[in-house]
Amino acid sequence: MRLINVQAFLEREESIRQGKRIDRRVKVLEFSDDEVAEYAILSHQWIEQEVDYNEILQSCERSMKDGYRWLWVDTCCIDKRSSAELSEAINSMYRWYENSSICYAYLHDVYGSSFPTARDAESKGWPEWFSRGWTLQEMIAPRDVQFFNRDWHPIGDKRTLAPILEDITRVPQHILKEGLSSNRPCVAQIMSWAANRTTTRVEDRAYSLMGLLDVNMPMLYGEGKMAFHRLQLEIIRSSNDQSIFAWDYYTGDVRTGSILADDPSFFRAHPYGKPDTRAPEFVRPNGRLPQCGRRHVNTPKCRSATRFLD
């Protein structure tokens, strides 16, 4: 992965401010191993595809203050001109956030000096950061997430704010504090966390969930909703979690009879299921699906999915 050399970046910034000549021999971006280097990482919302230089500068200054030599920022640490590098980055994104020493979550629309405890009176919503698809894994994966307001003043951390973060995101407190590995939830529950989130590209609704669901697959921008179908097929191949079929269909639009959901919103109403060690098998005309562990769900059977299994 590429990382920003924080000291080199800040020294170059100071040289520019003072009108001094820049030493081009000093590298600002360097390659490093995410499992060896200690680094900070930025989580932010892209606004109209613009790169905010001030966010990078403020992140570097914060990293220096906290004692971190390296910083990762998506806007400058990924060469998006290379499809191979972009695919590798997206498949590695969850791990990069998980291996970071600290994550700086920048909430550009929070003006107050404390974390909001209620929806905004005008927009009737929470900060936009909580509505985006990619920020779900950026909140869950890191051990330490520090939140900052528009002026880069700290307004709280993930562990302390876990109760209100659970209310906002539906992600249980124990997962916010201990991560997915502590008590991995079922697939449908993870999907439900992303049900109301949005992404600029429709494919990213699937790609942003790969790390959370522990699957890898190639990026094919332009495939549209097929990306989410491919994601589900990868889960079926690698997992015995039957809850992937526990989705429901709410809109009145015409829909083809597929056992796969069209997007994460189909899992919106999924309750929190309890894992069961039993593993019955589904049989289909052209073969057999992997074993799927049952989960006890205290709601009626899913109308749209189970009708194909009867």
Protein backbone atom coordinates (compact mmCIF):
# COMPACT_ATOMS: atom_id res chain seq x y z
CA MET A 1 0.00 0.00 0.00
CA ARG A 2 1.06 3.60 -0.56
CA LEU A 3 1.45 5.74 2.55
CA ILE A 4 2.05 9.44 3.06
CA ASN A 5 5.31 10.25 4.82
CA VAL A 6 3.79 12.73 7.28
CA GLN A 7 6.99 14.59 8.11
CA ALA A 8 7.99 14.92 4.45
CA PHE A 9 4.52 16.19 3.56
CA LEU A 10 4.49 18.82 6.30
CA GLU A 11 8.04 19.95 5.52
CA ARG A 12 7.11 20.39 1.87
CA GLU A 13 3.98 22.31 2.87
CA GLU A 14 6.08 24.62 5.05
CA SER A 15 8.56 25.18 2.21
CA ILE A 16 5.70 26.16 -0.10
CA ARG A 17 4.33 28.60 2.49
CA GLN A 18 7.73 30.24 2.92
CA GLY A 19 8.42 30.30 -0.81
CA LYS A 20 11.47 28.06 -0.45
CA ARG A 21 12.75 25.64 -3.04
CA ILE A 22 11.30 22.13 -2.69
CA ASP A 23 13.69 19.20 -2.37
CA ARG A 24 12.20 16.78 -4.91
CA ARG A 25 14.50 14.00 -3.75
CA VAL A 26 12.38 13.62 -0.61
CA LYS A 27 9.47 11.27 -1.31
CA VAL A 28 6.06 12.14 0.10
CA LEU A 29 4.40 8.87 -0.99
CA GLU A 30 6.14 5.59 -0.22
CA PHE A 31 5.19 1.91 -0.39
CA SER A 32 4.94 -0.04 2.86
CA ASP A 33 3.45 -3.22 4.33
CA ASP A 34 0.22 -2.54 6.24
CA GLU A 35 1.02 -5.37 8.67
CA VAL A 36 4.42 -3.89 9.59
CA ALA A 37 4.07 -0.11 9.59
CA GLU A 38 2.08 1.77 12.23
CA TYR A 39 -0.09 4.27 10.41
CA ALA A 40 -3.10 6.52 10.80
CA ILE A 41 -5.92 6.39 8.26
CA LEU A 42 -8.54 8.93 7.17
CA SER A 43 -12.26 8.27 6.74
CA HIS A 44 -14.21 11.03 5.05
CA GLN A 45 -17.03 11.66 2.64
CA TRP A 46 -16.20 12.63 -0.91
CA ILE A 47 -18.13 15.76 -1.91
CA GLU A 48 -18.87 16.01 -5.62
CA GLN A 49 -15.73 13.96 -6.37
CA GLU A 50 -13.51 16.83 -5.19
CA VAL A 51 -10.25 16.23 -3.36
CA ASP A 52 -10.02 18.58 -0.38
CA TYR A 53 -6.34 19.35 0.14
CA ASN A 54 -7.11 20.76 3.57
CA GLU A 55 -8.38 17.35 4.72
CA ILE A 56 -5.03 15.80 3.81
CA LEU A 57 -3.11 18.61 5.49
CA GLN A 58 -5.19 18.47 8.67
CA SER A 59 -4.88 14.67 8.76
CA CYS A 60 -1.10 14.93 8.49
CA GLU A 61 -0.94 17.53 11.26
CA ARG A 62 -3.09 15.33 13.48
CA SER A 63 -0.96 12.27 12.70
CA MET A 64 2.20 14.16 13.61
CA LYS A 65 0.61 15.33 16.86
CA ASP A 66 -0.40 11.75 17.72
CA GLY A 67 3.06 10.41 16.91
CA TYR A 68 2.34 8.55 13.65
CA ARG A 69 4.90 8.72 10.86
CA TRP A 70 2.62 7.33 8.17
CA LEU A 71 -0.89 8.22 6.96
CA TRP A 72 -3.22 6.66 4.40
CA VAL A 73 -5.76 8.78 2.52
CA ASP A 74 -7.77 7.27 -0.33
CA THR A 75 -7.73 10.40 -2.49
CA CYS A 76 -3.95 10.36 -2.97
CA CYS A 77 -2.75 6.87 -1.97
CA ILE A 78 -4.55 4.99 -4.77
CA ASP A 79 -3.67 5.44 -8.44
CA LYS A 80 -7.19 5.27 -9.86
CA ARG A 81 -5.80 5.36 -13.40
CA SER A 82 -4.70 1.76 -12.87
CA SER A 83 -7.64 -0.67 -12.84
CA ALA A 84 -5.40 -3.36 -11.31
CA GLU A 85 -4.32 -1.10 -8.44
CA LEU A 86 -7.89 0.11 -7.87
CA SER A 87 -9.16 -3.48 -7.71
CA GLU A 88 -6.39 -4.47 -5.30
CA ALA A 89 -7.11 -1.45 -3.10
CA ILE A 90 -10.85 -2.12 -2.90
CA ASN A 91 -10.26 -5.79 -2.07
CA SER A 92 -7.72 -4.77 0.60
CA MET A 93 -9.61 -1.78 2.01
CA TYR A 94 -11.15 -3.51 5.01
CA ARG A 95 -7.79 -4.98 6.03
CA TRP A 96 -6.08 -1.61 5.69
CA TYR A 97 -8.59 0.01 8.04
CA GLU A 98 -8.46 -2.97 10.39
CA ASN A 99 -4.64 -2.84 10.60
CA SER A 100 -4.49 0.93 11.16
CA SER A 101 -3.40 2.23 14.55
CA ILE A 102 -6.04 4.97 14.50
CA CYS A 103 -8.76 6.18 12.13
CA TYR A 104 -9.69 9.86 11.82
CA ALA A 105 -13.37 10.17 10.87
CA TYR A 106 -13.99 13.66 9.50
CA LEU A 107 -17.62 14.84 9.73
CA HIS A 108 -17.73 17.86 7.41
CA ASP A 109 -21.30 18.82 8.33
CA VAL A 110 -20.90 18.87 12.13
CA TYR A 111 -20.31 22.44 13.31
CA GLY A 112 -20.74 21.99 17.07
CA SER A 113 -18.02 21.22 19.59
CA SER A 114 -19.58 17.90 20.61
CA PHE A 115 -20.91 14.81 18.85
CA PRO A 116 -24.59 15.29 17.86
CA THR A 117 -26.98 13.39 20.13
CA ALA A 118 -30.10 14.02 18.02
CA ARG A 119 -31.00 14.39 14.36
CA ASP A 120 -30.34 17.76 12.76
CA ALA A 121 -33.40 20.01 13.05
CA GLU A 122 -33.20 21.22 9.44
CA SER A 123 -32.13 18.12 7.52
CA LYS A 124 -33.84 15.77 10.01
CA GLY A 125 -30.88 13.46 9.66
CA TRP A 126 -27.57 12.44 11.17
CA PRO A 127 -24.22 13.56 9.72
CA GLU A 128 -23.89 12.46 6.09
CA TRP A 129 -20.89 10.29 6.96
CA PHE A 130 -23.34 7.78 8.45
CA SER A 131 -25.36 7.52 5.22
CA ARG A 132 -22.54 6.50 2.89
CA GLY A 133 -21.77 2.93 1.88
CA TRP A 134 -17.98 2.92 2.27
CA THR A 135 -17.96 4.47 5.75
CA LEU A 136 -19.69 1.43 7.26
CA GLN A 137 -16.53 -0.70 7.09
CA GLU A 138 -14.44 2.36 7.96
CA MET A 139 -16.35 2.62 11.23
CA ILE A 140 -16.28 -1.10 12.11
CA ALA A 141 -12.82 -2.26 11.01
CA PRO A 142 -10.40 0.06 12.91
CA ARG A 143 -9.64 -0.57 16.57
CA ASP A 144 -9.72 3.14 17.33
CA VAL A 145 -11.92 5.68 15.53
CA GLN A 146 -11.68 9.34 16.53
CA PHE A 147 -14.39 11.71 15.26
CA PHE A 148 -13.70 15.32 14.24
CA ASN A 149 -16.04 18.18 13.40
CA ARG A 150 -15.82 20.55 10.44
CA ASP A 151 -13.02 22.54 12.09
CA TRP A 152 -11.05 19.42 12.97
CA HIS A 153 -11.80 19.60 16.67
CA PRO A 154 -12.12 16.14 18.31
CA ILE A 155 -15.71 15.33 19.32
CA GLY A 156 -15.45 11.75 20.61
CA ASP A 157 -14.26 8.23 19.89
CA LYS A 158 -15.96 5.03 18.78
CA ARG A 159 -15.83 3.18 22.09
CA THR A 160 -17.19 6.08 24.14
CA LEU A 161 -19.90 6.88 21.60
CA ALA A 162 -20.88 3.23 21.01
CA PRO A 163 -24.43 3.58 22.49
CA ILE A 164 -25.41 6.46 20.21
CA LEU A 165 -23.57 4.94 17.23
CA GLU A 166 -25.68 1.80 17.65
CA ASP A 167 -28.84 3.93 17.52
CA ILE A 168 -27.63 5.66 14.36
CA THR A 169 -26.23 2.66 12.47
CA ARG A 170 -27.91 -0.45 14.00
CA VAL A 171 -24.44 -1.93 14.52
CA PRO A 172 -24.33 -3.55 18.00
CA GLN A 173 -22.06 -1.99 20.60
CA HIS A 174 -19.98 -5.13 21.11
CA ILE A 175 -19.04 -5.13 17.42
CA LEU A 176 -18.20 -1.43 17.50
CA LYS A 177 -15.93 -2.04 20.47
CA GLU A 178 -14.44 -5.45 19.67
CA GLY A 179 -14.82 -5.83 15.90
CA LEU A 180 -16.47 -8.51 13.76
CA SER A 181 -14.12 -11.28 14.82
CA SER A 182 -15.38 -11.14 18.43
CA ASN A 183 -18.85 -12.45 17.57
CA ARG A 184 -19.45 -12.55 13.84
CA PRO A 185 -23.09 -11.80 12.94
CA CYS A 186 -25.02 -13.50 10.16
CA VAL A 187 -24.81 -12.24 6.58
CA ALA A 188 -28.33 -10.79 6.57
CA GLN A 189 -27.62 -8.69 9.64
CA ILE A 190 -24.51 -7.19 8.05
CA MET A 191 -26.54 -6.49 4.90
CA SER A 192 -29.19 -4.75 7.01
CA TRP A 193 -26.62 -2.26 8.29
CA ALA A 194 -26.04 -1.15 4.68
CA ALA A 195 -29.71 -1.15 3.68
CA ASN A 196 -30.22 2.62 3.92
CA ARG A 197 -26.73 3.68 2.83
CA THR A 198 -25.92 5.13 -0.57
CA THR A 199 -22.94 5.17 -2.93
CA THR A 200 -22.14 7.30 -5.97
CA ARG A 201 -21.69 4.22 -8.17
CA VAL A 202 -24.32 1.48 -7.95
CA GLU A 203 -21.58 -1.18 -8.08
CA ASP A 204 -20.07 0.20 -4.88
CA ARG A 205 -23.11 -0.92 -2.90
CA ALA A 206 -21.66 -4.41 -3.37
CA TYR A 207 -17.95 -3.61 -3.41
CA SER A 208 -18.14 -1.67 -0.13
CA LEU A 209 -19.44 -4.81 1.63
CA MET A 210 -16.77 -7.29 0.51
CA GLY A 211 -14.49 -6.81 3.49
CA LEU A 212 -17.33 -6.94 5.99
CA LEU A 213 -18.52 -10.20 4.44
CA ASP A 214 -15.00 -11.63 4.04
CA VAL A 215 -15.14 -12.21 0.27
CA ASN A 216 -13.02 -11.08 -2.66
CA MET A 217 -14.00 -10.61 -6.28
CA PRO A 218 -12.81 -8.59 -9.31
CA MET A 219 -14.13 -5.07 -9.92
CA LEU A 220 -16.28 -4.61 -13.03
CA TYR A 221 -17.51 -1.03 -13.07
CA GLY A 222 -20.35 -0.79 -15.56
CA GLU A 223 -22.03 -4.04 -14.50
CA GLY A 224 -24.62 -2.19 -12.39
CA LYS A 225 -26.74 -4.30 -10.04
CA MET A 226 -25.04 -7.48 -11.23
CA ALA A 227 -22.25 -6.58 -8.81
CA PHE A 228 -24.55 -7.30 -5.88
CA HIS A 229 -25.63 -10.59 -7.46
CA ARG A 230 -21.98 -11.60 -7.86
CA LEU A 231 -21.34 -10.68 -4.24
CA GLN A 232 -24.13 -12.98 -3.07
CA LEU A 233 -22.87 -15.84 -5.24
CA GLU A 234 -19.39 -15.45 -3.73
CA ILE A 235 -20.92 -15.59 -0.24
CA ILE A 236 -22.87 -18.73 -1.13
CA ARG A 237 -19.70 -20.39 -2.45
CA SER A 238 -17.63 -19.61 0.63
CA SER A 239 -20.16 -19.62 3.48
CA ASN A 240 -22.76 -21.92 5.02
CA ASP A 241 -24.86 -18.98 6.21
CA GLN A 242 -28.47 -19.50 5.13
CA SER A 243 -29.53 -16.01 6.24
CA ILE A 244 -28.43 -14.65 2.86
CA PHE A 245 -31.86 -15.77 1.63
CA ALA A 246 -33.72 -13.92 4.42
CA TRP A 247 -34.55 -10.81 2.42
CA ASP A 248 -37.88 -9.21 1.59
CA TYR A 249 -39.21 -7.26 -1.37
CA TYR A 250 -41.07 -4.03 -0.70
CA THR A 251 -41.48 -2.01 -3.88
CA GLY A 252 -44.26 -2.53 -6.38
CA ASP A 253 -41.93 -2.58 -9.39
CA VAL A 254 -41.89 -5.56 -11.72
CA ARG A 255 -39.09 -7.94 -10.73
CA THR A 256 -37.75 -11.16 -12.24
CA GLY A 257 -38.03 -14.29 -10.10
CA SER A 258 -34.52 -14.56 -8.71
CA ILE A 259 -33.58 -16.07 -5.37
CA LEU A 260 -30.95 -13.32 -5.02
CA ALA A 261 -31.73 -9.86 -3.67
CA ASP A 262 -31.25 -6.84 -5.94
CA ASP A 263 -29.47 -4.65 -3.38
CA PRO A 264 -28.87 -4.34 0.40
CA SER A 265 -32.17 -2.51 0.94
CA PHE A 266 -33.94 -5.88 0.58
CA PHE A 267 -32.46 -6.81 3.98
CA ARG A 268 -33.74 -3.65 5.68
CA ALA A 269 -36.15 -5.39 8.06
CA HIS A 270 -33.93 -8.33 8.99
CA PRO A 271 -33.92 -8.93 12.77
CA TYR A 272 -30.90 -10.06 14.73
CA GLY A 273 -30.64 -13.82 14.25
CA LYS A 274 -28.96 -16.39 16.50
CA PRO A 275 -26.56 -18.90 14.93
CA ASP A 276 -27.34 -22.62 14.94
CA THR A 277 -24.76 -25.38 14.45
CA ARG A 278 -27.16 -27.52 12.42
CA ALA A 279 -26.46 -27.43 8.69
CA PRO A 280 -29.22 -28.68 6.36
CA GLU A 281 -28.63 -28.74 2.61
CA PHE A 282 -30.60 -27.18 -0.21
CA VAL A 283 -30.89 -29.15 -3.45
CA ARG A 284 -31.51 -27.53 -6.81
CA PRO A 285 -32.09 -29.13 -10.23
CA ASN A 286 -28.59 -28.40 -11.54
CA GLY A 287 -26.64 -29.25 -8.42
CA ARG A 288 -26.37 -28.64 -4.71
CA LEU A 289 -25.73 -25.40 -2.85
CA PRO A 290 -23.15 -25.38 -0.05
CA GLN A 291 -24.48 -26.30 3.37
CA CYS A 292 -26.33 -23.40 4.96
CA GLY A 293 -26.49 -23.10 8.74
CA ARG A 294 -29.95 -22.28 10.09
CA ARG A 295 -30.65 -19.18 12.08
CA HIS A 296 -33.59 -18.67 14.40
CA VAL A 297 -35.48 -15.57 13.27
CA ASN A 298 -38.51 -14.36 15.22
CA THR A 299 -40.44 -13.10 12.20
CA PRO A 300 -42.58 -14.71 9.46
CA LYS A 301 -40.74 -16.37 6.59
CA CYS A 302 -39.51 -14.09 3.86
CA ARG A 303 -42.17 -13.90 1.14
CA SER A 304 -39.90 -13.31 -1.82
CA ALA A 305 -37.03 -15.67 -1.08
CA THR A 306 -38.64 -18.71 0.52
CA ARG A 307 -41.21 -19.21 -2.22
CA PHE A 308 -38.38 -20.47 -4.44
CA LEU A 309 -37.29 -22.98 -1.81
CA ASP A 310 -40.66 -24.64 -1.08
